[in-house]
Every structure is written in C-alpha cells, then in structure tokens.
Amino acid sequence: MNRATALQLRREALLARSAHLRLGLVEEGQALRDQLAGFDRGLGWVRYATRRPVLLAAAGAALLIFKPTRALSLIARGAMVVSLARRALGLLDRTPSP
C-alpha cells in the first residue's frame, strides 16, 4: 500500500468518525433542548408579564379583592420581584462583548 492510499483510507476513517461524533452531538443537543424547553417557556411568560403593566395591575387588584389582609405586603413583594425580573431580563438580553 502506498502513502496516498494510506492517507485516503485514514481520511475516510476520520470522516466516518466525525460524522458519528456529529450525530452524537445532535442527539445530546436535542436532549438538552428538551430539558430546557420548560425554562424557556417560563422565561417567555416572565418577559410577557413584566412588559404589560395592565396585567400586573389586574393581578394586584385581584389580590386586593381576594386577600385584602395580606395584599399590601404581597403587592410590595410582587413589585420587587417584577423589578428584579426586569433587571435580570435586561442582563440576559444584552449581547455579550467579545
């Protein structure tokens, strides 16, 4: 066997190995994507809720109607959570600098 044939066989073996490893990465990526789908939906809901003050006001009003005794402390906590969520989402939406 000459050098060119040996190199060609090695190249073909490496290409087959690369295809096999690439397929494994795709399968692992799909599994990771499935695991993170719930987190992604929750993050989408948080983004939706924090960008609609009417929705937050309606939730506060409903809280006042159903539990007026603890409503003010829960509304204050909710406002803090919304503020923190907006800040965190702002950090997540920034593009990373190189």
PDB file of N, CA and C in Angstrom:
ATOM      1  N   MET A   1       0.859  -1.170   0.000  1.00  0.00           N
ATOM      2  CA  MET A   1       0.000   0.000   0.000  1.00  0.00           C
ATOM      3  C   MET A   1       0.909   1.237   0.000  1.00  0.00           C
ATOM      4  N   ASN A   2       0.614   2.135  -0.907  1.00  0.00           N
ATOM      5  CA  ASN A   2       1.447   3.338  -0.970  1.00  0.00           C
ATOM      6  C   ASN A   2       0.904   4.418  -0.035  1.00  0.00           C
ATOM      7  N   ARG A   3       1.637   5.488   0.069  1.00  0.00           N
ATOM      8  CA  ARG A   3       1.319   6.568   1.010  1.00  0.00           C
ATOM      9  C   ARG A   3      -0.024   7.244   0.682  1.00  0.00           C
ATOM     10  N   ALA A   4      -0.305   7.452  -0.580  1.00  0.00           N
ATOM     11  CA  ALA A   4      -1.551   8.110  -0.988  1.00  0.00           C
ATOM     12  C   ALA A   4      -2.767   7.264  -0.596  1.00  0.00           C
ATOM     13  N   THR A   5      -2.667   5.963  -0.786  1.00  0.00           N
ATOM     14  CA  THR A   5      -3.774   5.076  -0.426  1.00  0.00           C
ATOM     15  C   THR A   5      -3.973   5.058   1.089  1.00  0.00           C
ATOM     16  N   ALA A   6      -2.876   5.022   1.831  1.00  0.00           N
ATOM     17  CA  ALA A   6      -2.967   5.031   3.292  1.00  0.00           C
ATOM     18  C   ALA A   6      -3.594   6.326   3.785  1.00  0.00           C
ATOM     19  N   LEU A   7      -3.191   7.436   3.176  1.00  0.00           N
ATOM     20  CA  LEU A   7      -3.788   8.723   3.569  1.00  0.00           C
ATOM     21  C   LEU A   7      -5.270   8.775   3.224  1.00  0.00           C
ATOM     22  N   GLN A   8      -5.632   8.228   2.075  1.00  0.00           N
ATOM     23  CA  GLN A   8      -7.043   8.215   1.683  1.00  0.00           C
ATOM     24  C   GLN A   8      -7.871   7.366   2.647  1.00  0.00           C
ATOM     25  N   LEU A   9      -7.356   6.209   3.043  1.00  0.00           N
ATOM     26  CA  LEU A   9      -8.070   5.362   3.999  1.00  0.00           C
ATOM     27  C   LEU A   9      -8.200   6.049   5.352  1.00  0.00           C
ATOM     28  N   ARG A  10      -7.134   6.704   5.780  1.00  0.00           N
ATOM     29  CA  ARG A  10      -7.177   7.435   7.060  1.00  0.00           C
ATOM     30  C   ARG A  10      -8.188   8.571   6.998  1.00  0.00           C
ATOM     31  N   ARG A  11      -8.217   9.278   5.878  1.00  0.00           N
ATOM     32  CA  ARG A  11      -9.166  10.381   5.698  1.00  0.00           C
ATOM     33  C   ARG A  11     -10.601   9.866   5.771  1.00  0.00           C
ATOM     34  N   GLU A  12     -10.881   8.769   5.100  1.00  0.00           N
ATOM     35  CA  GLU A  12     -12.226   8.197   5.113  1.00  0.00           C
ATOM     36  C   GLU A  12     -12.623   7.740   6.516  1.00  0.00           C
ATOM     37  N   ALA A  13     -11.680   7.159   7.246  1.00  0.00           N
ATOM     38  CA  ALA A  13     -11.975   6.727   8.619  1.00  0.00           C
ATOM     39  C   ALA A  13     -12.254   7.935   9.510  1.00  0.00           C
ATOM     40  N   LEU A  14     -11.463   8.986   9.325  1.00  0.00           N
ATOM     41  CA  LEU A  14     -11.678  10.198  10.128  1.00  0.00           C
ATOM     42  C   LEU A  14     -13.007  10.868   9.781  1.00  0.00           C
ATOM     43  N   LEU A  15     -13.370  10.873   8.511  1.00  0.00           N
ATOM     44  CA  LEU A  15     -14.661  11.451   8.122  1.00  0.00           C
ATOM     45  C   LEU A  15     -15.823  10.642   8.706  1.00  0.00           C
ATOM     46  N   ALA A  16     -15.696   9.326   8.708  1.00  0.00           N
ATOM     47  CA  ALA A  16     -16.748   8.487   9.293  1.00  0.00           C
ATOM     48  C   ALA A  16     -16.856   8.728  10.799  1.00  0.00           C
ATOM     49  N   ARG A  17     -15.705   8.843  11.466  1.00  0.00           N
ATOM     50  CA  ARG A  17     -15.707   9.110  12.907  1.00  0.00           C
ATOM     51  C   ARG A  17     -16.325  10.479  13.195  1.00  0.00           C
ATOM     52  N   SER A  18     -15.977  11.464  12.371  1.00  0.00           N
ATOM     53  CA  SER A  18     -16.523  12.809  12.544  1.00  0.00           C
ATOM     54  C   SER A  18     -18.043  12.811  12.382  1.00  0.00           C
ATOM     55  N   ALA A  19     -18.536  12.085  11.378  1.00  0.00           N
ATOM     56  CA  ALA A  19     -19.988  12.004  11.172  1.00  0.00           C
ATOM     57  C   ALA A  19     -20.667  11.339  12.368  1.00  0.00           C
ATOM     58  N   HIS A  20     -20.041  10.294  12.897  1.00  0.00           N
ATOM     59  CA  HIS A  20     -20.599   9.602  14.066  1.00  0.00           C
ATOM     60  C   HIS A  20     -20.630  10.532  15.284  1.00  0.00           C
ATOM     61  N   LEU A  21     -19.534  11.260  15.521  1.00  0.00           N
ATOM     62  CA  LEU A  21     -19.489  12.185  16.657  1.00  0.00           C
ATOM     63  C   LEU A  21     -20.480  13.328  16.475  1.00  0.00           C
ATOM     64  N   ARG A  22     -20.633  13.809  15.253  1.00  0.00           N
ATOM     65  CA  ARG A  22     -21.580  14.890  14.976  1.00  0.00           C
ATOM     66  C   ARG A  22     -23.004  14.429  15.273  1.00  0.00           C
ATOM     67  N   LEU A  23     -23.330  13.208  14.909  1.00  0.00           N
ATOM     68  CA  LEU A  23     -24.657  12.661  15.194  1.00  0.00           C
ATOM     69  C   LEU A  23     -24.894  12.569  16.704  1.00  0.00           C
ATOM     70  N   GLY A  24     -23.859  12.162  17.445  1.00  0.00           N
ATOM     71  CA  GLY A  24     -23.974  12.116  18.904  1.00  0.00           C
ATOM     72  C   GLY A  24     -24.215  13.487  19.497  1.00  0.00           C
ATOM     73  N   LEU A  25     -23.546  14.508  18.955  1.00  0.00           N
ATOM     74  CA  LEU A  25     -23.757  15.877  19.439  1.00  0.00           C
ATOM     75  C   LEU A  25     -25.183  16.349  19.157  1.00  0.00           C
ATOM     76  N   VAL A  26     -25.698  16.002  17.997  1.00  0.00           N
ATOM     77  CA  VAL A  26     -27.071  16.395  17.661  1.00  0.00           C
ATOM     78  C   VAL A  26     -28.056  15.755  18.640  1.00  0.00           C
ATOM     79  N   GLU A  27     -27.848  14.480  18.948  1.00  0.00           N
ATOM     80  CA  GLU A  27     -28.746  13.791  19.883  1.00  0.00           C
ATOM     81  C   GLU A  27     -28.650  14.391  21.281  1.00  0.00           C
ATOM     82  N   GLU A  28     -27.433  14.691  21.737  1.00  0.00           N
ATOM     83  CA  GLU A  28     -27.274  15.302  23.058  1.00  0.00           C
ATOM     84  C   GLU A  28     -27.860  16.705  23.085  1.00  0.00           C
ATOM     85  N   GLY A  29     -27.696  17.441  21.992  1.00  0.00           N
ATOM     86  CA  GLY A  29     -28.276  18.780  21.912  1.00  0.00           C
ATOM     87  C   GLY A  29     -29.784  18.744  21.973  1.00  0.00           C
ATOM     88  N   GLN A  30     -30.386  17.766  21.311  1.00  0.00           N
ATOM     89  CA  GLN A  30     -31.840  17.631  21.346  1.00  0.00           C
ATOM     90  C   GLN A  30     -32.318  17.315  22.757  1.00  0.00           C
ATOM     91  N   ALA A  31     -31.598  16.438  23.456  1.00  0.00           N
ATOM     92  CA  ALA A  31     -31.974  16.108  24.837  1.00  0.00           C
ATOM     93  C   ALA A  31     -31.874  17.347  25.725  1.00  0.00           C
ATOM     94  N   LEU A  32     -30.827  18.129  25.544  1.00  0.00           N
ATOM     95  CA  LEU A  32     -30.664  19.359  26.328  1.00  0.00           C
ATOM     96  C   LEU A  32     -31.754  20.361  25.981  1.00  0.00           C
ATOM     97  N   ARG A  33     -32.081  20.463  24.710  1.00  0.00           N
ATOM     98  CA  ARG A  33     -33.139  21.379  24.278  1.00  0.00           C
ATOM     99  C   ARG A  33     -34.467  20.984  24.903  1.00  0.00           C
ATOM    100  N   ASP A  34     -34.742  19.680  24.974  1.00  0.00           N
ATOM    101  CA  ASP A  34     -35.983  19.215  25.593  1.00  0.00           C
ATOM    102  C   ASP A  34     -36.023  19.550  27.081  1.00  0.00           C
ATOM    103  N   GLN A  35     -34.880  19.415  27.753  1.00  0.00           N
ATOM    104  CA  GLN A  35     -34.830  19.710  29.182  1.00  0.00           C
ATOM    105  C   GLN A  35     -35.007  21.198  29.455  1.00  0.00           C
ATOM    106  N   LEU A  36     -34.514  22.048  28.561  1.00  0.00           N
ATOM    107  CA  LEU A  36     -34.583  23.488  28.782  1.00  0.00           C
ATOM    108  C   LEU A  36     -35.847  24.123  28.220  1.00  0.00           C
ATOM    109  N   ALA A  37     -36.692  23.340  27.577  1.00  0.00           N
ATOM    110  CA  ALA A  37     -37.908  23.894  26.981  1.00  0.00           C
ATOM    111  C   ALA A  37     -38.825  24.502  28.043  1.00  0.00           C
ATOM    112  N   GLY A  38     -38.966  23.851  29.177  1.00  0.00           N
ATOM    113  CA  GLY A  38     -39.812  24.395  30.250  1.00  0.00           C
ATOM    114  C   GLY A  38     -39.267  25.708  30.785  1.00  0.00           C
ATOM    115  N   PHE A  39     -37.955  25.774  30.954  1.00  0.00           N
ATOM    116  CA  PHE A  39     -37.331  27.018  31.410  1.00  0.00           C
ATOM    117  C   PHE A  39     -37.557  28.130  30.392  1.00  0.00           C
ATOM    118  N   ASP A  40     -37.439  27.803  29.127  1.00  0.00           N
ATOM    119  CA  ASP A  40     -37.625  28.794  28.078  1.00  0.00           C
ATOM    120  C   ASP A  40     -39.062  29.316  28.054  1.00  0.00           C
ATOM    121  N   ARG A  41     -40.029  28.415  28.242  1.00  0.00           N
ATOM    122  CA  ARG A  41     -41.435  28.850  28.297  1.00  0.00           C
ATOM    123  C   ARG A  41     -41.667  29.753  29.506  1.00  0.00           C
ATOM    124  N   GLY A  42     -41.090  29.385  30.651  1.00  0.00           N
ATOM    125  CA  GLY A  42     -41.236  30.212  31.852  1.00  0.00           C
ATOM    126  C   GLY A  42     -40.606  31.579  31.670  1.00  0.00           C
ATOM    127  N   LEU A  43     -39.446  31.623  31.039  1.00  0.00           N
ATOM    128  CA  LEU A  43     -38.784  32.892  30.772  1.00  0.00           C
ATOM    129  C   LEU A  43     -39.620  33.752  29.834  1.00  0.00           C
ATOM    130  N   GLY A  44     -40.235  33.119  28.854  1.00  0.00           N
ATOM    131  CA  GLY A  44     -41.124  33.849  27.946  1.00  0.00           C
ATOM    132  C   GLY A  44     -42.319  34.423  28.681  1.00  0.00           C
ATOM    133  N   TRP A  45     -42.878  33.641  29.608  1.00  0.00           N
ATOM    134  CA  TRP A  45     -44.017  34.138  30.379  1.00  0.00           C
ATOM    135  C   TRP A  45     -43.606  35.321  31.256  1.00  0.00           C
ATOM    136  N   VAL A  46     -42.428  35.242  31.871  1.00  0.00           N
ATOM    137  CA  VAL A  46     -41.944  36.348  32.706  1.00  0.00           C
ATOM    138  C   VAL A  46     -41.739  37.594  31.858  1.00  0.00           C
ATOM    139  N   ARG A  47     -41.160  37.428  30.683  1.00  0.00           N
ATOM    140  CA  ARG A  47     -40.976  38.584  29.784  1.00  0.00           C
ATOM    141  C   ARG A  47     -42.322  39.181  29.408  1.00  0.00           C
ATOM    142  N   TYR A  48     -43.277  38.325  29.088  1.00  0.00           N
ATOM    143  CA  TYR A  48     -44.612  38.798  28.719  1.00  0.00           C
ATOM    144  C   TYR A  48     -45.247  39.577  29.873  1.00  0.00           C
ATOM    145  N   ALA A  49     -45.177  39.024  31.072  1.00  0.00           N
ATOM    146  CA  ALA A  49     -45.843  39.648  32.220  1.00  0.00           C
ATOM    147  C   ALA A  49     -45.175  40.946  32.630  1.00  0.00           C
ATOM    148  N   THR A  50     -43.843  41.013  32.575  1.00  0.00           N
ATOM    149  CA  THR A  50     -43.163  42.227  33.034  1.00  0.00           C
ATOM    150  C   THR A  50     -43.278  43.363  32.035  1.00  0.00           C
ATOM    151  N   ARG A  51     -43.651  43.082  30.814  1.00  0.00           N
ATOM    152  CA  ARG A  51     -43.792  44.148  29.814  1.00  0.00           C
ATOM    153  C   ARG A  51     -45.227  44.638  29.685  1.00  0.00           C
ATOM    154  N   ARG A  52     -46.123  44.118  30.514  1.00  0.00           N
ATOM    155  CA  ARG A  52     -47.521  44.532  30.448  1.00  0.00           C
ATOM    156  C   ARG A  52     -47.996  44.970  31.829  1.00  0.00           C
ATOM    157  N   PRO A  53     -47.864  46.268  32.117  1.00  0.00           N
ATOM    158  CA  PRO A  53     -48.249  46.761  33.436  1.00  0.00           C
ATOM    159  C   PRO A  53     -49.736  46.572  33.739  1.00  0.00           C
ATOM    160  N   VAL A  54     -50.575  46.540  32.724  1.00  0.00           N
ATOM    161  CA  VAL A  54     -52.008  46.342  32.950  1.00  0.00           C
ATOM    162  C   VAL A  54     -52.236  44.955  33.552  1.00  0.00           C
ATOM    163  N   LEU A  55     -51.523  43.971  33.060  1.00  0.00           N
ATOM    164  CA  LEU A  55     -51.644  42.620  33.596  1.00  0.00           C
ATOM    165  C   LEU A  55     -51.210  42.578  35.061  1.00  0.00           C
ATOM    166  N   LEU A  56     -50.120  43.260  35.365  1.00  0.00           N
ATOM    167  CA  LEU A  56     -49.644  43.299  36.747  1.00  0.00           C
ATOM    168  C   LEU A  56     -50.627  44.043  37.651  1.00  0.00           C
ATOM    169  N   ALA A  57     -51.204  45.134  37.153  1.00  0.00           N
ATOM    170  CA  ALA A  57     -52.193  45.880  37.938  1.00  0.00           C
ATOM    171  C   ALA A  57     -53.441  45.038  38.177  1.00  0.00           C
ATOM    172  N   ALA A  58     -53.855  44.287  37.169  1.00  0.00           N
ATOM    173  CA  ALA A  58     -55.029  43.416  37.331  1.00  0.00           C
ATOM    174  C   ALA A  58     -54.746  42.340  38.371  1.00  0.00           C
ATOM    175  N   ALA A  59     -53.540  41.789  38.368  1.00  0.00           N
ATOM    176  CA  ALA A  59     -53.184  40.786  39.370  1.00  0.00           C
ATOM    177  C   ALA A  59     -53.193  41.396  40.765  1.00  0.00           C
ATOM    178  N   GLY A  60     -52.698  42.623  40.888  1.00  0.00           N
ATOM    179  CA  GLY A  60     -52.722  43.312  42.181  1.00  0.00           C
ATOM    180  C   GLY A  60     -54.138  43.588  42.654  1.00  0.00           C
ATOM    181  N   ALA A  61     -55.006  44.009  41.733  1.00  0.00           N
ATOM    182  CA  ALA A  61     -56.405  44.275  42.090  1.00  0.00           C
ATOM    183  C   ALA A  61     -57.108  42.978  42.511  1.00  0.00           C
ATOM    184  N   ALA A  62     -56.847  41.906  41.798  1.00  0.00           N
ATOM    185  CA  ALA A  62     -57.462  40.625  42.168  1.00  0.00           C
ATOM    186  C   ALA A  62     -56.976  40.183  43.536  1.00  0.00           C
ATOM    187  N   LEU A  63     -55.723  40.423  43.818  1.00  0.00           N
ATOM    188  CA  LEU A  63     -55.178  40.074  45.122  1.00  0.00           C
ATOM    189  C   LEU A  63     -55.855  40.891  46.224  1.00  0.00           C
ATOM    190  N   LEU A  64     -56.090  42.167  45.976  1.00  0.00           N
ATOM    191  CA  LEU A  64     -56.772  43.009  46.958  1.00  0.00           C
ATOM    192  C   LEU A  64     -58.195  42.516  47.212  1.00  0.00           C
ATOM    193  N   ILE A  65     -58.841  42.047  46.156  1.00  0.00           N
ATOM    194  CA  ILE A  65     -60.220  41.579  46.297  1.00  0.00           C
ATOM    195  C   ILE A  65     -60.275  40.276  47.090  1.00  0.00           C
ATOM    196  N   PHE A  66     -59.398  39.354  46.792  1.00  0.00           N
ATOM    197  CA  PHE A  66     -59.485  38.030  47.406  1.00  0.00           C
ATOM    198  C   PHE A  66     -58.767  37.906  48.744  1.00  0.00           C
ATOM    199  N   LYS A  67     -57.687  38.641  48.954  1.00  0.00           N
ATOM    200  CA  LYS A  67     -56.953  38.560  50.224  1.00  0.00           C
ATOM    201  C   LYS A  67     -56.526  39.962  50.668  1.00  0.00           C
ATOM    202  N   PRO A  68     -57.466  40.774  51.102  1.00  0.00           N
ATOM    203  CA  PRO A  68     -57.109  42.155  51.427  1.00  0.00           C
ATOM    204  C   PRO A  68     -56.196  42.292  52.649  1.00  0.00           C
ATOM    205  N   THR A  69     -56.172  41.334  53.546  1.00  0.00           N
ATOM    206  CA  THR A  69     -55.365  41.490  54.754  1.00  0.00           C
ATOM    207  C   THR A  69     -53.869  41.424  54.457  1.00  0.00           C
ATOM    208  N   ARG A  70     -53.480  40.542  53.558  1.00  0.00           N
ATOM    209  CA  ARG A  70     -52.060  40.406  53.248  1.00  0.00           C
ATOM    210  C   ARG A  70     -51.702  41.032  51.911  1.00  0.00           C
ATOM    211  N   ALA A  71     -52.658  41.692  51.289  1.00  0.00           N
ATOM    212  CA  ALA A  71     -52.480  42.161  49.922  1.00  0.00           C
ATOM    213  C   ALA A  71     -51.325  43.148  49.783  1.00  0.00           C
ATOM    214  N   LEU A  72     -51.235  44.111  50.694  1.00  0.00           N
ATOM    215  CA  LEU A  72     -50.202  45.140  50.539  1.00  0.00           C
ATOM    216  C   LEU A  72     -48.797  44.557  50.620  1.00  0.00           C
ATOM    217  N   SER A  73     -48.573  43.650  51.549  1.00  0.00           N
ATOM    218  CA  SER A  73     -47.233  43.067  51.637  1.00  0.00           C
ATOM    219  C   SER A  73     -46.942  42.196  50.411  1.00  0.00           C
ATOM    220  N   LEU A  74     -47.945  41.474  49.911  1.00  0.00           N
ATOM    221  CA  LEU A  74     -47.736  40.660  48.722  1.00  0.00           C
ATOM    222  C   LEU A  74     -47.538  41.513  47.476  1.00  0.00           C
ATOM    223  N   ILE A  75     -48.253  42.632  47.387  1.00  0.00           N
ATOM    224  CA  ILE A  75     -48.076  43.532  46.246  1.00  0.00           C
ATOM    225  C   ILE A  75     -46.676  44.145  46.279  1.00  0.00           C
ATOM    226  N   ALA A  76     -46.204  44.512  47.471  1.00  0.00           N
ATOM    227  CA  ALA A  76     -44.850  45.058  47.580  1.00  0.00           C
ATOM    228  C   ALA A  76     -43.810  44.025  47.176  1.00  0.00           C
ATOM    229  N   ARG A  77     -43.997  42.796  47.608  1.00  0.00           N
ATOM    230  CA  ARG A  77     -43.074  41.728  47.204  1.00  0.00           C
ATOM    231  C   ARG A  77     -43.151  41.489  45.704  1.00  0.00           C
ATOM    232  N   GLY A  78     -44.352  41.511  45.184  1.00  0.00           N
ATOM    233  CA  GLY A  78     -44.523  41.326  43.737  1.00  0.00           C
ATOM    234  C   GLY A  78     -43.841  42.419  42.938  1.00  0.00           C
ATOM    235  N   ALA A  79     -43.946  43.667  43.418  1.00  0.00           N
ATOM    236  CA  ALA A  79     -43.272  44.771  42.737  1.00  0.00           C
ATOM    237  C   ALA A  79     -41.760  44.577  42.759  1.00  0.00           C
ATOM    238  N   MET A  80     -41.240  44.085  43.875  1.00  0.00           N
ATOM    239  CA  MET A  80     -39.807  43.823  43.967  1.00  0.00           C
ATOM    240  C   MET A  80     -39.406  42.710  43.001  1.00  0.00           C
ATOM    241  N   VAL A  81     -40.211  41.652  42.930  1.00  0.00           N
ATOM    242  CA  VAL A  81     -39.916  40.544  42.023  1.00  0.00           C
ATOM    243  C   VAL A  81     -39.946  41.018  40.574  1.00  0.00           C
ATOM    244  N   VAL A  82     -40.928  41.832  40.223  1.00  0.00           N
ATOM    245  CA  VAL A  82     -41.023  42.351  38.859  1.00  0.00           C
ATOM    246  C   VAL A  82     -39.801  43.207  38.542  1.00  0.00           C
ATOM    247  N   SER A  83     -39.407  44.051  39.485  1.00  0.00           N
ATOM    248  CA  SER A  83     -38.222  44.887  39.273  1.00  0.00           C
ATOM    249  C   SER A  83     -36.972  44.036  39.071  1.00  0.00           C
ATOM    250  N   LEU A  84     -36.796  43.024  39.907  1.00  0.00           N
ATOM    251  CA  LEU A  84     -35.640  42.135  39.754  1.00  0.00           C
ATOM    252  C   LEU A  84     -35.704  41.359  38.441  1.00  0.00           C
ATOM    253  N   ALA A  85     -36.904  40.923  38.070  1.00  0.00           N
ATOM    254  CA  ALA A  85     -37.052  40.174  36.818  1.00  0.00           C
ATOM    255  C   ALA A  85     -36.702  41.046  35.623  1.00  0.00           C
ATOM    256  N   ARG A  86     -37.136  42.301  35.647  1.00  0.00           N
ATOM    257  CA  ARG A  86     -36.805  43.209  34.546  1.00  0.00           C
ATOM    258  C   ARG A  86     -35.302  43.420  34.445  1.00  0.00           C
ATOM    259  N   ARG A  87     -34.642  43.586  35.585  1.00  0.00           N
ATOM    260  CA  ARG A  87     -33.186  43.761  35.571  1.00  0.00           C
ATOM    261  C   ARG A  87     -32.490  42.503  35.056  1.00  0.00           C
ATOM    262  N   ALA A  88     -32.931  41.354  35.528  1.00  0.00           N
ATOM    263  CA  ALA A  88     -32.316  40.094  35.090  1.00  0.00           C
ATOM    264  C   ALA A  88     -32.543  39.877  33.601  1.00  0.00           C
ATOM    265  N   LEU A  89     -33.746  40.160  33.119  1.00  0.00           N
ATOM    266  CA  LEU A  89     -34.025  40.008  31.698  1.00  0.00           C
ATOM    267  C   LEU A  89     -33.205  40.993  30.882  1.00  0.00           C
ATOM    268  N   GLY A  90     -32.982  42.177  31.429  1.00  0.00           N
ATOM    269  CA  GLY A  90     -32.125  43.140  30.740  1.00  0.00           C
ATOM    270  C   GLY A  90     -30.710  42.617  30.606  1.00  0.00           C
ATOM    271  N   LEU A  91     -30.226  41.935  31.624  1.00  0.00           N
ATOM    272  CA  LEU A  91     -28.886  41.353  31.543  1.00  0.00           C
ATOM    273  C   LEU A  91     -28.847  40.196  30.559  1.00  0.00           C
ATOM    274  N   LEU A  92     -29.929  39.401  30.505  1.00  0.00           N
ATOM    275  CA  LEU A  92     -29.969  38.272  29.576  1.00  0.00           C
ATOM    276  C   LEU A  92     -30.093  38.727  28.129  1.00  0.00           C
ATOM    277  N   ASP A  93     -30.756  39.868  27.900  1.00  0.00           N
ATOM    278  CA  ASP A  93     -30.975  40.335  26.536  1.00  0.00           C
ATOM    279  C   ASP A  93     -29.747  41.023  25.943  1.00  0.00           C
ATOM    280  N   ARG A  94     -28.801  41.412  26.772  1.00  0.00           N
ATOM    281  CA  ARG A  94     -27.601  42.069  26.258  1.00  0.00           C
ATOM    282  C   ARG A  94     -26.762  41.084  25.464  1.00  0.00           C
ATOM    283  N   THR A  95     -26.177  41.600  24.407  1.00  0.00           N
ATOM    284  CA  THR A  95     -25.279  40.747  23.634  1.00  0.00           C
ATOM    285  C   THR A  95     -23.916  40.749  24.322  1.00  0.00           C
ATOM    286  N   PRO A  96     -23.301  39.595  24.441  1.00  0.00           N
ATOM    287  CA  PRO A  96     -22.007  39.532  25.125  1.00  0.00           C
ATOM    288  C   PRO A  96     -20.929  40.246  24.322  1.00  0.00           C
ATOM    289  N   SER A  97     -20.054  40.910  25.027  1.00  0.00           N
ATOM    290  CA  SER A  97     -18.952  41.593  24.355  1.00  0.00           C
ATOM    291  C   SER A  97     -17.793  40.619  24.168  1.00  0.00           C
ATOM    292  N   PRO A  98     -17.098  40.730  23.037  1.00  0.00           N
ATOM    293  CA  PRO A  98     -16.022  39.773  22.762  1.00  0.00           C
ATOM    294  C   PRO A  98     -14.836  39.911  23.663  1.00  0.00           C
TER     295      PRO A  98
END
